[in-house]
């Protein structure tokens, strides 16, 4: 059931220092409530030669570039060679992977960004997990609370999984490309290497290796 949504089918766990966070979980959203405490524990074990502690529960790799205008609230880890640009707003419970880019006016909250993720221009990413080399086009966002405030249900055709979570953005697999101006609605799960057309409103599960044009129109990559 829901094979696309399983951690093993979405993410290469060798591409994040948060590998142990996923231990014992089957679906990635199961770890959303654990991100903050995990960062605190992991941060205290990081090498002082490679990471600098900046304020309470904020660890920044010495090789990372952080703009002086960026705001980072803990718990947070900014990985090696990562780039946090002008006016980025990291609200807390954020793990930014090695070589990742957090762009101008981008806001992060309760997220894991795997290595080489790019959220470079005007993105909101909340209560979400982005896999290795995933890229969100300018202005694309994760919507993490339903308008009726009910608990989020992941849907794949007739299959449903009750998550028990009120806040749940998107689970984005490795090497996914999200087009500019797209909205990933609560409970979206996007399989690896899939492309989302610009200005899309995505909900439910999108299979791996596909091209999402609009709801009901998903083509397999050839």
C-alpha atoms as a PDB file:
ATOM      1  CA  UNK A   1       0.000   0.000   0.000  1.00  0.00           C
ATOM      2  CA  UNK A   2       1.194   3.507  -0.857  1.00  0.00           C
ATOM      3  CA  UNK A   3       4.615   2.254  -1.996  1.00  0.00           C
ATOM      4  CA  UNK A   4       5.495   5.637  -3.532  1.00  0.00           C
ATOM      5  CA  UNK A   5       5.124   7.278  -0.123  1.00  0.00           C
ATOM      6  CA  UNK A   6       7.574   5.085   1.760  1.00  0.00           C
ATOM      7  CA  UNK A   7      10.857   6.614   2.880  1.00  0.00           C
ATOM      8  CA  UNK A   8      12.886   3.958   1.052  1.00  0.00           C
ATOM      9  CA  UNK A   9      11.208   4.870  -2.252  1.00  0.00           C
ATOM     10  CA  UNK A  10      11.449   8.655  -1.868  1.00  0.00           C
ATOM     11  CA  UNK A  11      14.852   9.393  -0.390  1.00  0.00           C
ATOM     12  CA  UNK A  12      18.508   8.410  -0.495  1.00  0.00           C
ATOM     13  CA  UNK A  13      19.279   8.595   3.217  1.00  0.00           C
ATOM     14  CA  UNK A  14      23.014   8.704   2.501  1.00  0.00           C
ATOM     15  CA  UNK A  15      22.439  12.297   1.316  1.00  0.00           C
ATOM     16  CA  UNK A  16      21.556  13.782   4.711  1.00  0.00           C
ATOM     17  CA  UNK A  17      23.115  14.007   8.155  1.00  0.00           C
ATOM     18  CA  UNK A  18      19.575  13.393   9.429  1.00  0.00           C
ATOM     19  CA  UNK A  19      19.663   9.714   8.426  1.00  0.00           C
ATOM     20  CA  UNK A  20      19.071   8.545  12.011  1.00  0.00           C
ATOM     21  CA  UNK A  21      15.922  10.693  12.255  1.00  0.00           C
ATOM     22  CA  UNK A  22      14.190   8.274   9.878  1.00  0.00           C
ATOM     23  CA  UNK A  23      15.185   5.176  11.850  1.00  0.00           C
ATOM     24  CA  UNK A  24      12.151   2.999  12.538  1.00  0.00           C
ATOM     25  CA  UNK A  25       9.758   5.092  10.438  1.00  0.00           C
ATOM     26  CA  UNK A  26       7.984   3.820   7.324  1.00  0.00           C
ATOM     27  CA  UNK A  27       6.546   7.069   5.993  1.00  0.00           C
ATOM     28  CA  UNK A  28       8.502  10.352   6.098  1.00  0.00           C
ATOM     29  CA  UNK A  29       5.784  12.465   7.715  1.00  0.00           C
ATOM     30  CA  UNK A  30       6.109  10.315  10.834  1.00  0.00           C
ATOM     31  CA  UNK A  31       9.315  12.210  11.675  1.00  0.00           C
ATOM     32  CA  UNK A  32       7.877  15.752  11.397  1.00  0.00           C
ATOM     33  CA  UNK A  33       7.134  16.051  15.145  1.00  0.00           C
ATOM     34  CA  UNK A  34      10.679  14.870  15.987  1.00  0.00           C
ATOM     35  CA  UNK A  35      12.771  17.299  13.912  1.00  0.00           C
ATOM     36  CA  UNK A  36      13.400  19.914  16.614  1.00  0.00           C
ATOM     37  CA  UNK A  37      14.617  17.523  19.304  1.00  0.00           C
ATOM     38  CA  UNK A  38      16.696  15.616  16.749  1.00  0.00           C
ATOM     39  CA  UNK A  39      18.505  18.814  15.700  1.00  0.00           C
ATOM     40  CA  UNK A  40      19.333  19.652  19.327  1.00  0.00           C
ATOM     41  CA  UNK A  41      20.852  16.205  19.900  1.00  0.00           C
ATOM     42  CA  UNK A  42      22.707  16.105  16.610  1.00  0.00           C
ATOM     43  CA  UNK A  43      23.989  19.665  16.952  1.00  0.00           C
ATOM     44  CA  UNK A  44      25.663  18.907  20.264  1.00  0.00           C
ATOM     45  CA  UNK A  45      27.679  16.132  18.589  1.00  0.00           C
ATOM     46  CA  UNK A  46      28.946  18.166  15.606  1.00  0.00           C
ATOM     47  CA  UNK A  47      32.670  18.855  15.244  1.00  0.00           C
ATOM     48  CA  UNK A  48      33.695  22.231  16.638  1.00  0.00           C
ATOM     49  CA  UNK A  49      36.366  22.374  13.960  1.00  0.00           C
ATOM     50  CA  UNK A  50      33.721  22.207  11.228  1.00  0.00           C
ATOM     51  CA  UNK A  51      30.700  23.892  12.862  1.00  0.00           C
ATOM     52  CA  UNK A  52      30.273  27.105  14.782  1.00  0.00           C
ATOM     53  CA  UNK A  53      27.550  27.458  17.386  1.00  0.00           C
ATOM     54  CA  UNK A  54      25.683  30.733  16.920  1.00  0.00           C
ATOM     55  CA  UNK A  55      23.194  31.423  19.663  1.00  0.00           C
ATOM     56  CA  UNK A  56      20.901  28.873  21.228  1.00  0.00           C
ATOM     57  CA  UNK A  57      20.695  25.579  19.324  1.00  0.00           C
ATOM     58  CA  UNK A  58      21.988  27.045  16.057  1.00  0.00           C
ATOM     59  CA  UNK A  59      24.923  25.344  14.385  1.00  0.00           C
ATOM     60  CA  UNK A  60      26.412  26.729  11.172  1.00  0.00           C
ATOM     61  CA  UNK A  61      29.123  24.985   9.167  1.00  0.00           C
ATOM     62  CA  UNK A  62      32.214  27.170   8.862  1.00  0.00           C
ATOM     63  CA  UNK A  63      32.229  26.479   5.114  1.00  0.00           C
ATOM     64  CA  UNK A  64      28.621  27.724   4.722  1.00  0.00           C
ATOM     65  CA  UNK A  65      27.851  31.209   3.399  1.00  0.00           C
ATOM     66  CA  UNK A  66      25.221  33.045   5.443  1.00  0.00           C
ATOM     67  CA  UNK A  67      24.187  36.571   4.451  1.00  0.00           C
ATOM     68  CA  UNK A  68      24.329  39.088   7.307  1.00  0.00           C
ATOM     69  CA  UNK A  69      20.653  39.900   6.665  1.00  0.00           C
ATOM     70  CA  UNK A  70      19.497  36.269   7.052  1.00  0.00           C
ATOM     71  CA  UNK A  71      17.637  35.355  10.255  1.00  0.00           C
ATOM     72  CA  UNK A  72      18.201  31.926  11.802  1.00  0.00           C
ATOM     73  CA  UNK A  73      16.178  30.857  14.821  1.00  0.00           C
ATOM     74  CA  UNK A  74      17.033  27.576  16.556  1.00  0.00           C
ATOM     75  CA  UNK A  75      16.949  24.691  16.608  1.00  0.00           C
ATOM     76  CA  UNK A  76      18.735  24.763  13.256  1.00  0.00           C
ATOM     77  CA  UNK A  77      21.706  23.242  11.491  1.00  0.00           C
ATOM     78  CA  UNK A  78      23.189  24.810   8.360  1.00  0.00           C
ATOM     79  CA  UNK A  79      25.319  22.214   6.580  1.00  0.00           C
ATOM     80  CA  UNK A  80      28.703  22.427   4.906  1.00  0.00           C
ATOM     81  CA  UNK A  81      28.987  24.574   1.758  1.00  0.00           C
ATOM     82  CA  UNK A  82      25.325  25.598   2.125  1.00  0.00           C
ATOM     83  CA  UNK A  83      24.266  29.094   1.127  1.00  0.00           C
ATOM     84  CA  UNK A  84      21.697  31.138   3.052  1.00  0.00           C
ATOM     85  CA  UNK A  85      20.998  34.294   1.080  1.00  0.00           C
ATOM     86  CA  UNK A  86      19.782  37.835   1.761  1.00  0.00           C
ATOM     87  CA  UNK A  87      16.726  38.065   4.011  1.00  0.00           C
ATOM     88  CA  UNK A  88      16.168  34.310   4.311  1.00  0.00           C
ATOM     89  CA  UNK A  89      13.954  33.589   7.344  1.00  0.00           C
ATOM     90  CA  UNK A  90      14.667  30.317   9.113  1.00  0.00           C
ATOM     91  CA  UNK A  91      12.047  30.090  11.845  1.00  0.00           C
ATOM     92  CA  UNK A  92      13.364  27.017  13.620  1.00  0.00           C
ATOM     93  CA  UNK A  93      13.379  23.218  13.511  1.00  0.00           C
ATOM     94  CA  UNK A  94      15.253  23.440  10.204  1.00  0.00           C
ATOM     95  CA  UNK A  95      18.048  21.213   8.985  1.00  0.00           C
ATOM     96  CA  UNK A  96      19.665  22.574   5.819  1.00  0.00           C
ATOM     97  CA  UNK A  97      21.793  19.997   4.002  1.00  0.00           C
ATOM     98  CA  UNK A  98      25.273  20.246   2.548  1.00  0.00           C
ATOM     99  CA  UNK A  99      25.483  22.427  -0.545  1.00  0.00           C
ATOM    100  CA  UNK A 100      21.842  23.482  -0.211  1.00  0.00           C
ATOM    101  CA  UNK A 101      20.619  26.951  -1.196  1.00  0.00           C
ATOM    102  CA  UNK A 102      18.082  28.914   0.853  1.00  0.00           C
ATOM    103  CA  UNK A 103      17.302  32.001  -1.181  1.00  0.00           C
ATOM    104  CA  UNK A 104      16.202  35.568  -0.745  1.00  0.00           C
ATOM    105  CA  UNK A 105      12.984  35.975   1.234  1.00  0.00           C
ATOM    106  CA  UNK A 106      12.614  32.203   1.556  1.00  0.00           C
ATOM    107  CA  UNK A 107      11.024  30.996   4.808  1.00  0.00           C
ATOM    108  CA  UNK A 108      11.702  27.600   6.403  1.00  0.00           C
ATOM    109  CA  UNK A 109       9.925  26.044   9.368  1.00  0.00           C
ATOM    110  CA  UNK A 110      10.105  22.443  10.654  1.00  0.00           C
ATOM    111  CA  UNK A 111      11.871  21.030   7.631  1.00  0.00           C
ATOM    112  CA  UNK A 112      14.644  18.712   6.530  1.00  0.00           C
ATOM    113  CA  UNK A 113      16.413  19.729   3.345  1.00  0.00           C
ATOM    114  CA  UNK A 114      18.654  16.956   2.065  1.00  0.00           C
ATOM    115  CA  UNK A 115      22.010  17.771   0.464  1.00  0.00           C
ATOM    116  CA  UNK A 116      22.003  20.013  -2.634  1.00  0.00           C
ATOM    117  CA  UNK A 117      18.345  21.072  -2.233  1.00  0.00           C
ATOM    118  CA  UNK A 118      17.538  24.451  -3.778  1.00  0.00           C
ATOM    119  CA  UNK A 119      14.787  26.733  -2.473  1.00  0.00           C
ATOM    120  CA  UNK A 120      16.334  29.853  -3.988  1.00  0.00           C
ATOM    121  CA  UNK A 121      13.640  32.496  -4.562  1.00  0.00           C
ATOM    122  CA  UNK A 122      10.582  33.496  -2.512  1.00  0.00           C
ATOM    123  CA  UNK A 123       9.699  30.002  -1.301  1.00  0.00           C
ATOM    124  CA  UNK A 124       7.765  29.000   1.804  1.00  0.00           C
ATOM    125  CA  UNK A 125       8.642  25.514   3.017  1.00  0.00           C
ATOM    126  CA  UNK A 126       6.929  24.330   6.190  1.00  0.00           C
ATOM    127  CA  UNK A 127       6.457  20.920   7.805  1.00  0.00           C
ATOM    128  CA  UNK A 128       8.064  19.304   4.778  1.00  0.00           C
ATOM    129  CA  UNK A 129      10.961  17.090   3.720  1.00  0.00           C
ATOM    130  CA  UNK A 130      12.862  17.754   0.490  1.00  0.00           C
ATOM    131  CA  UNK A 131      15.045  15.019  -0.973  1.00  0.00           C
ATOM    132  CA  UNK A 132      18.506  15.162  -2.532  1.00  0.00           C
ATOM    133  CA  UNK A 133      18.809  17.796  -5.278  1.00  0.00           C
ATOM    134  CA  UNK A 134      15.094  18.692  -5.113  1.00  0.00           C
ATOM    135  CA  UNK A 135      14.472  22.166  -6.532  1.00  0.00           C
ATOM    136  CA  UNK A 136      11.560  24.524  -5.984  1.00  0.00           C
ATOM    137  CA  UNK A 137      11.075  27.160  -8.681  1.00  0.00           C
ATOM    138  CA  UNK A 138      10.625  30.834  -7.833  1.00  0.00           C
ATOM    139  CA  UNK A 139       7.521  31.538  -5.778  1.00  0.00           C
ATOM    140  CA  UNK A 140       6.532  27.891  -5.293  1.00  0.00           C
ATOM    141  CA  UNK A 141       5.356  27.054  -1.783  1.00  0.00           C
ATOM    142  CA  UNK A 142       4.198  24.263   0.475  1.00  0.00           C
ATOM    143  CA  UNK A 143       0.789  24.849   2.022  1.00  0.00           C
ATOM    144  CA  UNK A 144       0.932  23.102   5.377  1.00  0.00           C
ATOM    145  CA  UNK A 145      -2.512  23.596   6.982  1.00  0.00           C
ATOM    146  CA  UNK A 146      -5.888  22.715   5.449  1.00  0.00           C
ATOM    147  CA  UNK A 147      -8.382  25.570   5.170  1.00  0.00           C
ATOM    148  CA  UNK A 148     -10.838  23.628   7.348  1.00  0.00           C
ATOM    149  CA  UNK A 149      -8.032  22.978   9.897  1.00  0.00           C
ATOM    150  CA  UNK A 150      -8.760  19.225   9.868  1.00  0.00           C
ATOM    151  CA  UNK A 151      -6.051  16.563  10.156  1.00  0.00           C
ATOM    152  CA  UNK A 152      -4.196  15.858   6.923  1.00  0.00           C
ATOM    153  CA  UNK A 153      -4.947  12.671   4.990  1.00  0.00           C
ATOM    154  CA  UNK A 154      -2.582  11.399   2.283  1.00  0.00           C
ATOM    155  CA  UNK A 155      -4.571  10.213  -0.734  1.00  0.00           C
ATOM    156  CA  UNK A 156      -3.504   8.087  -3.684  1.00  0.00           C
ATOM    157  CA  UNK A 157      -6.553   7.297  -5.799  1.00  0.00           C
ATOM    158  CA  UNK A 158      -8.862   5.392  -3.483  1.00  0.00           C
ATOM    159  CA  UNK A 159      -6.117   4.677  -0.941  1.00  0.00           C
ATOM    160  CA  UNK A 160      -5.916   6.889   2.115  1.00  0.00           C
ATOM    161  CA  UNK A 161      -3.564   7.211   5.066  1.00  0.00           C
ATOM    162  CA  UNK A 162      -4.616   9.171   8.141  1.00  0.00           C
ATOM    163  CA  UNK A 163      -1.504  11.037   9.302  1.00  0.00           C
ATOM    164  CA  UNK A 164      -2.873  12.419  12.579  1.00  0.00           C
ATOM    165  CA  UNK A 165      -1.101  15.703  11.751  1.00  0.00           C
ATOM    166  CA  UNK A 166      -2.699  19.118  11.516  1.00  0.00           C
ATOM    167  CA  UNK A 167       0.452  20.572   9.949  1.00  0.00           C
ATOM    168  CA  UNK A 168       1.900  18.698   6.977  1.00  0.00           C
ATOM    169  CA  UNK A 169       3.304  20.361   3.867  1.00  0.00           C
ATOM    170  CA  UNK A 170       4.880  18.171   1.198  1.00  0.00           C
ATOM    171  CA  UNK A 171       7.119  15.140   1.022  1.00  0.00           C
ATOM    172  CA  UNK A 172       9.266  15.848  -2.036  1.00  0.00           C
ATOM    173  CA  UNK A 173      11.443  13.015  -3.353  1.00  0.00           C
ATOM    174  CA  UNK A 174      15.007  13.147  -4.659  1.00  0.00           C
ATOM    175  CA  UNK A 175      15.666  15.231  -7.786  1.00  0.00           C
ATOM    176  CA  UNK A 176      12.123  16.583  -8.063  1.00  0.00           C
ATOM    177  CA  UNK A 177      11.661  19.814 -10.042  1.00  0.00           C
ATOM    178  CA  UNK A 178       8.781  22.008  -8.886  1.00  0.00           C
ATOM    179  CA  UNK A 179       7.776  24.683 -11.421  1.00  0.00           C
ATOM    180  CA  UNK A 180       7.578  28.371 -10.588  1.00  0.00           C
ATOM    181  CA  UNK A 181       4.486  29.601  -8.783  1.00  0.00           C
ATOM    182  CA  UNK A 182       3.222  26.138  -7.841  1.00  0.00           C
ATOM    183  CA  UNK A 183       1.350  25.326  -4.641  1.00  0.00           C
ATOM    184  CA  UNK A 184       1.904  21.947  -2.996  1.00  0.00           C
ATOM    185  CA  UNK A 185      -1.220  21.427  -0.906  1.00  0.00           C
ATOM    186  CA  UNK A 186      -1.213  19.732   2.525  1.00  0.00           C
ATOM    187  CA  UNK A 187      -0.447  16.031   2.230  1.00  0.00           C
ATOM    188  CA  UNK A 188       1.264  16.205  -1.171  1.00  0.00           C
ATOM    189  CA  UNK A 189       3.796  13.451  -1.856  1.00  0.00           C
ATOM    190  CA  UNK A 190       5.919  13.718  -4.993  1.00  0.00           C
ATOM    191  CA  UNK A 191       7.949  10.723  -6.187  1.00  0.00           C
ATOM    192  CA  UNK A 192      11.621  11.064  -7.163  1.00  0.00           C
ATOM    193  CA  UNK A 193      12.714  12.645 -10.463  1.00  0.00           C
ATOM    194  CA  UNK A 194       9.239  14.005 -11.181  1.00  0.00           C
ATOM    195  CA  UNK A 195       8.656  17.395 -12.808  1.00  0.00           C
ATOM    196  CA  UNK A 196       5.771  19.647 -11.753  1.00  0.00           C
ATOM    197  CA  UNK A 197       4.564  22.161 -14.357  1.00  0.00           C
ATOM    198  CA  UNK A 198       4.693  25.845 -13.358  1.00  0.00           C
ATOM    199  CA  UNK A 199       1.557  27.310 -11.731  1.00  0.00           C
ATOM    200  CA  UNK A 200       0.340  23.872 -10.644  1.00  0.00           C
ATOM    201  CA  UNK A 201      -1.889  23.198  -7.653  1.00  0.00           C
ATOM    202  CA  UNK A 202      -0.742  19.772  -6.485  1.00  0.00           C
ATOM    203  CA  UNK A 203      -2.485  17.510  -4.009  1.00  0.00           C
ATOM    204  CA  UNK A 204      -2.379  13.781  -3.316  1.00  0.00           C
ATOM    205  CA  UNK A 205       0.417  11.456  -4.461  1.00  0.00           C
ATOM    206  CA  UNK A 206       2.341  12.011  -7.716  1.00  0.00           C
ATOM    207  CA  UNK A 207       4.300   8.948  -8.935  1.00  0.00           C
ATOM    208  CA  UNK A 208       8.055   8.861  -9.492  1.00  0.00           C
ATOM    209  CA  UNK A 209       9.518   9.621 -12.930  1.00  0.00           C
ATOM    210  CA  UNK A 210       6.463  11.512 -14.142  1.00  0.00           C
ATOM    211  CA  UNK A 211       5.436  14.918 -15.455  1.00  0.00           C
ATOM    212  CA  UNK A 212       2.583  16.568 -13.578  1.00  0.00           C
ATOM    213  CA  UNK A 213       0.632  18.870 -15.910  1.00  0.00           C
ATOM    214  CA  UNK A 214      -2.543  19.243 -13.870  1.00  0.00           C
ATOM    215  CA  UNK A 215      -4.789  17.112 -11.703  1.00  0.00           C
ATOM    216  CA  UNK A 216      -5.744  14.007 -13.659  1.00  0.00           C
ATOM    217  CA  UNK A 217      -3.112  14.698 -16.296  1.00  0.00           C
ATOM    218  CA  UNK A 218       0.157  13.074 -15.276  1.00  0.00           C
ATOM    219  CA  UNK A 219       2.461  11.697 -17.977  1.00  0.00           C
ATOM    220  CA  UNK A 220       5.173   9.113 -17.499  1.00  0.00           C
ATOM    221  CA  UNK A 221       8.660  10.285 -18.378  1.00  0.00           C
ATOM    222  CA  UNK A 222       9.987   8.473 -21.466  1.00  0.00           C
END
